C-alpha cells in the first residue's frame, strides 16, 4: 500500500492542495474524494495542485488530474498545477498532456 498525504490551504481566491507521497491506484480514492469535497464545499475560483512533494504518480493519478481539470472547465473555474519532480513530470510529458493543463512555477503565481 502506498502512502499519500494531502494538505489543504485556503488562500485568497484559491484552494491549494499540497500532495506528497505516491498517487496511484491504491491512493486514488482518497485523492478523488478530497478534490470533490473541496470542489463542492469551497467552490474555489482556482484549485491549485501542488505536486512538488509527490514522489510517484501512475496513470491512475494522471486520469484523476485530467478529470479534475475537466470539471474545473465545466464549472468556469481553473485548475493550476505546480509541477513535481522529474518522475512526476515525466508522466505528463510522455502522455502528451503538458499543453492541455495549466502548469505554474509556484503556488503564489497560480491565482494570478
N, C-alpha and C. Protein backbone atom coordinates (compact mmCIF):
# COMPACT_ATOMS: atom_id res chain seq x y z
N UNK A 1 0.84 -1.18 0.00
CA UNK A 1 0.00 0.00 0.00
C UNK A 1 0.89 1.24 0.00
N UNK A 2 0.56 2.19 -0.87
CA UNK A 2 1.35 3.41 -0.95
C UNK A 2 0.86 4.44 0.05
N UNK A 3 1.70 5.40 0.29
CA UNK A 3 1.36 6.45 1.24
C UNK A 3 1.10 7.73 0.47
N UNK A 4 -0.04 8.34 0.73
CA UNK A 4 -0.39 9.61 0.13
C UNK A 4 -0.80 10.56 1.24
N UNK A 5 -0.31 11.78 1.17
CA UNK A 5 -0.66 12.79 2.15
C UNK A 5 -1.17 14.02 1.42
N UNK A 6 -2.29 14.55 1.89
CA UNK A 6 -2.89 15.74 1.29
C UNK A 6 -3.06 16.81 2.37
N UNK A 7 -2.60 18.01 2.08
CA UNK A 7 -2.78 19.14 2.99
C UNK A 7 -3.45 20.25 2.20
N UNK A 8 -4.55 20.75 2.72
CA UNK A 8 -5.34 21.76 2.02
C UNK A 8 -5.17 23.12 2.68
N UNK A 9 -4.94 24.14 1.86
CA UNK A 9 -4.73 25.50 2.33
C UNK A 9 -5.69 26.44 1.61
N UNK A 10 -6.50 27.15 2.35
CA UNK A 10 -7.39 28.17 1.78
C UNK A 10 -6.57 29.44 1.59
N UNK A 11 -6.53 29.95 0.37
CA UNK A 11 -5.80 31.17 0.08
C UNK A 11 -6.80 32.19 -0.45
N UNK A 12 -6.38 33.37 -0.80
CA UNK A 12 -7.31 34.47 -1.13
C UNK A 12 -8.45 34.05 -2.06
N UNK A 13 -8.15 33.68 -3.28
CA UNK A 13 -9.21 33.24 -4.20
C UNK A 13 -8.93 31.84 -4.73
N UNK A 14 -8.18 31.08 -3.96
CA UNK A 14 -7.85 29.73 -4.40
C UNK A 14 -7.76 28.79 -3.21
N UNK A 15 -7.78 27.52 -3.55
CA UNK A 15 -7.50 26.48 -2.57
C UNK A 15 -6.32 25.70 -3.11
N UNK A 16 -5.29 25.53 -2.27
CA UNK A 16 -4.11 24.77 -2.68
C UNK A 16 -4.10 23.44 -1.96
N UNK A 17 -3.91 22.38 -2.73
CA UNK A 17 -3.78 21.04 -2.17
C UNK A 17 -2.34 20.60 -2.39
N UNK A 18 -1.60 20.49 -1.29
CA UNK A 18 -0.22 20.00 -1.36
C UNK A 18 -0.27 18.48 -1.28
N UNK A 19 0.24 17.84 -2.31
CA UNK A 19 0.18 16.39 -2.43
C UNK A 19 1.58 15.84 -2.23
N UNK A 20 1.71 14.86 -1.34
CA UNK A 20 3.02 14.24 -1.14
C UNK A 20 2.85 12.73 -1.06
N UNK A 21 3.94 12.05 -1.34
CA UNK A 21 3.92 10.59 -1.32
C UNK A 21 3.73 10.02 -2.71
N UNK A 22 2.80 9.06 -2.82
CA UNK A 22 2.55 8.37 -4.08
C UNK A 22 1.07 8.43 -4.45
N UNK A 23 0.81 8.86 -5.67
CA UNK A 23 -0.56 8.92 -6.19
C UNK A 23 -0.71 7.82 -7.22
N UNK A 24 -1.35 6.74 -6.80
CA UNK A 24 -1.51 5.59 -7.68
C UNK A 24 -2.86 4.92 -7.39
N UNK A 25 -3.05 3.74 -7.92
CA UNK A 25 -4.32 3.03 -7.77
C UNK A 25 -4.72 2.87 -6.30
N UNK A 26 -3.78 2.59 -5.43
CA UNK A 26 -4.13 2.35 -4.03
C UNK A 26 -4.50 3.62 -3.27
N UNK A 27 -4.12 4.79 -3.77
CA UNK A 27 -4.44 6.03 -3.08
C UNK A 27 -5.44 6.89 -3.85
N UNK A 28 -5.90 6.40 -4.98
CA UNK A 28 -6.77 7.18 -5.86
C UNK A 28 -8.07 7.63 -5.19
N UNK A 29 -8.69 6.76 -4.43
CA UNK A 29 -9.97 7.09 -3.82
C UNK A 29 -9.83 8.25 -2.83
N UNK A 30 -8.79 8.25 -2.03
CA UNK A 30 -8.55 9.33 -1.07
C UNK A 30 -8.37 10.66 -1.81
N UNK A 31 -7.57 10.65 -2.86
CA UNK A 31 -7.30 11.86 -3.65
C UNK A 31 -8.59 12.38 -4.29
N UNK A 32 -9.32 11.49 -4.93
CA UNK A 32 -10.56 11.86 -5.63
C UNK A 32 -11.60 12.43 -4.65
N UNK A 33 -11.77 11.78 -3.52
CA UNK A 33 -12.75 12.25 -2.53
C UNK A 33 -12.38 13.64 -2.00
N UNK A 34 -11.10 13.88 -1.75
CA UNK A 34 -10.68 15.18 -1.24
C UNK A 34 -10.90 16.27 -2.28
N UNK A 35 -10.56 16.01 -3.53
CA UNK A 35 -10.78 17.02 -4.58
C UNK A 35 -12.26 17.34 -4.72
N UNK A 36 -13.09 16.32 -4.74
CA UNK A 36 -14.54 16.56 -4.88
C UNK A 36 -15.10 17.29 -3.66
N UNK A 37 -14.61 16.98 -2.49
CA UNK A 37 -15.05 17.68 -1.28
C UNK A 37 -14.71 19.17 -1.38
N UNK A 38 -13.52 19.47 -1.83
CA UNK A 38 -13.09 20.87 -1.99
C UNK A 38 -13.94 21.56 -3.05
N UNK A 39 -14.14 20.91 -4.17
CA UNK A 39 -14.91 21.50 -5.26
C UNK A 39 -16.34 21.82 -4.83
N UNK A 40 -16.93 20.98 -3.99
CA UNK A 40 -18.30 21.18 -3.55
C UNK A 40 -18.42 22.14 -2.38
N UNK A 41 -17.51 22.08 -1.43
CA UNK A 41 -17.66 22.88 -0.22
C UNK A 41 -17.03 24.26 -0.31
N UNK A 42 -15.92 24.39 -1.02
CA UNK A 42 -15.20 25.66 -1.05
C UNK A 42 -15.49 26.48 -2.29
N UNK A 43 -15.94 25.85 -3.33
CA UNK A 43 -16.15 26.48 -4.64
C UNK A 43 -15.03 27.47 -5.00
N UNK A 44 -13.79 26.98 -5.03
CA UNK A 44 -12.67 27.89 -5.33
C UNK A 44 -12.68 28.35 -6.78
N UNK A 45 -12.25 29.59 -6.99
CA UNK A 45 -12.06 30.09 -8.35
C UNK A 45 -10.91 29.33 -9.01
N UNK A 46 -9.87 29.09 -8.21
CA UNK A 46 -8.71 28.36 -8.68
C UNK A 46 -8.41 27.23 -7.69
N UNK A 47 -8.25 26.04 -8.22
CA UNK A 47 -7.79 24.91 -7.42
C UNK A 47 -6.36 24.63 -7.84
N UNK A 48 -5.44 24.71 -6.89
CA UNK A 48 -4.03 24.51 -7.17
C UNK A 48 -3.59 23.16 -6.63
N UNK A 49 -3.07 22.32 -7.51
CA UNK A 49 -2.49 21.05 -7.08
C UNK A 49 -0.98 21.25 -7.02
N UNK A 50 -0.45 21.22 -5.82
CA UNK A 50 0.97 21.42 -5.60
C UNK A 50 1.63 20.05 -5.51
N UNK A 51 2.30 19.66 -6.58
CA UNK A 51 2.89 18.32 -6.70
C UNK A 51 4.38 18.29 -6.38
N UNK A 52 4.92 19.33 -5.79
CA UNK A 52 6.36 19.39 -5.55
C UNK A 52 6.86 18.28 -4.64
N UNK A 53 6.03 17.78 -3.74
CA UNK A 53 6.45 16.72 -2.82
C UNK A 53 5.95 15.34 -3.23
N UNK A 54 5.32 15.25 -4.41
CA UNK A 54 4.83 13.97 -4.90
C UNK A 54 6.01 13.17 -5.46
N UNK A 55 6.20 11.97 -4.96
CA UNK A 55 7.34 11.15 -5.36
C UNK A 55 7.05 10.26 -6.56
N UNK A 56 5.77 9.84 -6.69
CA UNK A 56 5.41 8.91 -7.76
C UNK A 56 3.96 9.13 -8.14
N UNK A 57 3.68 9.02 -9.44
CA UNK A 57 2.31 9.08 -9.93
C UNK A 57 2.19 8.14 -11.11
N UNK A 58 1.15 7.32 -11.11
CA UNK A 58 0.92 6.43 -12.25
C UNK A 58 -0.23 6.97 -13.10
N UNK A 59 -0.67 6.17 -14.06
CA UNK A 59 -1.73 6.61 -14.97
C UNK A 59 -3.05 6.87 -14.25
N UNK A 60 -3.28 6.22 -13.13
CA UNK A 60 -4.49 6.48 -12.35
C UNK A 60 -4.48 7.91 -11.83
N UNK A 61 -3.37 8.34 -11.28
CA UNK A 61 -3.24 9.71 -10.81
C UNK A 61 -3.41 10.72 -11.93
N UNK A 62 -2.83 10.42 -13.08
CA UNK A 62 -2.96 11.30 -14.24
C UNK A 62 -4.43 11.42 -14.64
N UNK A 63 -5.12 10.30 -14.67
CA UNK A 63 -6.55 10.31 -15.04
C UNK A 63 -7.35 11.17 -14.07
N UNK A 64 -7.06 11.08 -12.78
CA UNK A 64 -7.78 11.87 -11.79
C UNK A 64 -7.51 13.37 -11.96
N UNK A 65 -6.29 13.73 -12.29
CA UNK A 65 -5.95 15.14 -12.53
C UNK A 65 -6.65 15.65 -13.79
N UNK A 66 -6.67 14.84 -14.84
CA UNK A 66 -7.37 15.24 -16.06
C UNK A 66 -8.87 15.39 -15.81
N UNK A 67 -9.44 14.52 -14.99
CA UNK A 67 -10.86 14.63 -14.64
C UNK A 67 -11.13 15.90 -13.85
N UNK A 68 -10.25 16.23 -12.90
CA UNK A 68 -10.41 17.45 -12.12
C UNK A 68 -10.30 18.68 -13.02
N UNK A 69 -9.42 18.61 -14.00
CA UNK A 69 -9.25 19.71 -14.96
C UNK A 69 -10.54 19.90 -15.76
N UNK A 70 -11.12 18.80 -16.23
CA UNK A 70 -12.37 18.88 -17.00
C UNK A 70 -13.51 19.43 -16.14
N UNK A 71 -13.61 19.00 -14.89
CA UNK A 71 -14.65 19.51 -14.01
C UNK A 71 -14.48 21.01 -13.78
N UNK A 72 -13.24 21.45 -13.61
CA UNK A 72 -12.98 22.88 -13.41
C UNK A 72 -13.44 23.69 -14.62
N UNK A 73 -13.10 23.24 -15.80
CA UNK A 73 -13.51 23.93 -17.02
C UNK A 73 -15.03 23.99 -17.12
N UNK A 74 -15.69 22.87 -16.86
CA UNK A 74 -17.16 22.80 -16.94
C UNK A 74 -17.84 23.73 -15.94
N UNK A 75 -17.17 24.03 -14.85
CA UNK A 75 -17.75 24.90 -13.81
C UNK A 75 -17.23 26.33 -13.90
N UNK A 76 -16.49 26.64 -14.94
CA UNK A 76 -15.97 28.00 -15.11
C UNK A 76 -14.86 28.35 -14.14
N UNK A 77 -14.12 27.35 -13.72
CA UNK A 77 -13.02 27.55 -12.78
C UNK A 77 -11.70 27.20 -13.46
N UNK A 78 -10.64 27.26 -12.66
CA UNK A 78 -9.31 26.98 -13.20
C UNK A 78 -8.59 25.97 -12.30
N UNK A 79 -7.92 25.03 -12.92
CA UNK A 79 -7.05 24.10 -12.20
C UNK A 79 -5.63 24.45 -12.59
N UNK A 80 -4.81 24.75 -11.58
CA UNK A 80 -3.40 25.05 -11.81
C UNK A 80 -2.57 23.98 -11.13
N UNK A 81 -1.48 23.61 -11.76
CA UNK A 81 -0.62 22.54 -11.25
C UNK A 81 0.80 23.07 -11.07
N UNK A 82 1.30 22.90 -9.84
CA UNK A 82 2.71 23.19 -9.57
C UNK A 82 3.44 21.88 -9.81
N UNK A 83 4.31 21.87 -10.80
CA UNK A 83 4.98 20.63 -11.20
C UNK A 83 5.78 19.99 -10.08
N UNK A 84 5.80 18.68 -10.15
CA UNK A 84 6.59 17.92 -9.20
C UNK A 84 7.97 17.62 -9.74
N UNK A 85 8.61 16.65 -9.15
CA UNK A 85 9.94 16.25 -9.56
C UNK A 85 9.95 15.55 -10.91
N UNK A 86 11.11 15.11 -11.31
CA UNK A 86 11.30 14.52 -12.62
C UNK A 86 10.41 13.31 -12.88
N UNK A 87 10.26 12.43 -11.89
CA UNK A 87 9.43 11.23 -12.08
C UNK A 87 7.98 11.59 -12.37
N UNK A 88 7.47 12.62 -11.71
CA UNK A 88 6.09 13.06 -11.93
C UNK A 88 5.99 13.84 -13.23
N UNK A 89 6.94 14.70 -13.49
CA UNK A 89 6.96 15.49 -14.72
C UNK A 89 6.99 14.57 -15.95
N UNK A 90 7.68 13.47 -15.82
CA UNK A 90 7.84 12.54 -16.95
C UNK A 90 6.50 11.99 -17.42
N UNK A 91 5.60 11.65 -16.51
CA UNK A 91 4.32 11.09 -16.93
C UNK A 91 3.48 12.11 -17.70
N UNK A 92 3.58 13.38 -17.32
CA UNK A 92 2.87 14.42 -18.08
C UNK A 92 3.47 14.55 -19.47
N UNK A 93 4.79 14.46 -19.54
CA UNK A 93 5.48 14.63 -20.82
C UNK A 93 5.22 13.46 -21.77
N UNK A 94 5.39 12.23 -21.30
CA UNK A 94 5.27 11.09 -22.21
C UNK A 94 3.83 10.83 -22.65
N UNK A 95 2.86 11.33 -21.89
CA UNK A 95 1.47 11.15 -22.29
C UNK A 95 0.96 12.30 -23.16
N UNK A 96 1.78 13.35 -23.31
CA UNK A 96 1.43 14.46 -24.19
C UNK A 96 0.37 15.39 -23.65
N UNK A 97 0.21 15.49 -22.36
CA UNK A 97 -0.84 16.35 -21.80
C UNK A 97 -0.31 17.69 -21.29
N UNK A 98 0.98 17.94 -21.45
CA UNK A 98 1.56 19.20 -20.96
C UNK A 98 0.82 20.43 -21.49
N UNK A 99 0.43 20.41 -22.75
CA UNK A 99 -0.22 21.55 -23.36
C UNK A 99 -1.68 21.69 -22.93
N UNK A 100 -2.29 20.62 -22.47
CA UNK A 100 -3.70 20.64 -22.08
C UNK A 100 -3.92 21.18 -20.67
N UNK A 101 -2.88 21.13 -19.84
CA UNK A 101 -3.01 21.51 -18.44
C UNK A 101 -2.31 22.84 -18.18
N UNK A 102 -2.69 23.48 -17.07
CA UNK A 102 -2.14 24.78 -16.70
C UNK A 102 -1.07 24.59 -15.63
N UNK A 103 0.19 24.60 -16.03
CA UNK A 103 1.31 24.45 -15.10
C UNK A 103 1.82 25.83 -14.69
N UNK A 104 2.12 25.97 -13.41
CA UNK A 104 2.66 27.22 -12.87
C UNK A 104 3.94 26.91 -12.10
N UNK A 105 4.76 27.93 -11.92
CA UNK A 105 6.04 27.73 -11.24
C UNK A 105 5.91 27.60 -9.74
N UNK A 106 4.96 28.33 -9.14
CA UNK A 106 4.82 28.31 -7.70
C UNK A 106 3.36 28.58 -7.33
N UNK A 107 2.94 28.15 -6.16
CA UNK A 107 1.54 28.39 -5.75
C UNK A 107 1.13 29.85 -5.78
N UNK A 108 2.05 30.76 -5.48
CA UNK A 108 1.72 32.18 -5.47
C UNK A 108 1.28 32.65 -6.86
N UNK A 109 1.93 32.11 -7.90
CA UNK A 109 1.59 32.52 -9.26
C UNK A 109 0.34 31.87 -9.79
N UNK A 110 -0.21 30.92 -9.09
CA UNK A 110 -1.36 30.18 -9.59
C UNK A 110 -2.62 31.01 -9.65
N UNK A 111 -2.80 31.91 -8.71
CA UNK A 111 -4.03 32.68 -8.66
C UNK A 111 -3.99 33.91 -9.54
N UNK A 112 -2.82 34.22 -10.08
CA UNK A 112 -2.66 35.45 -10.85
C UNK A 112 -3.05 35.37 -12.22
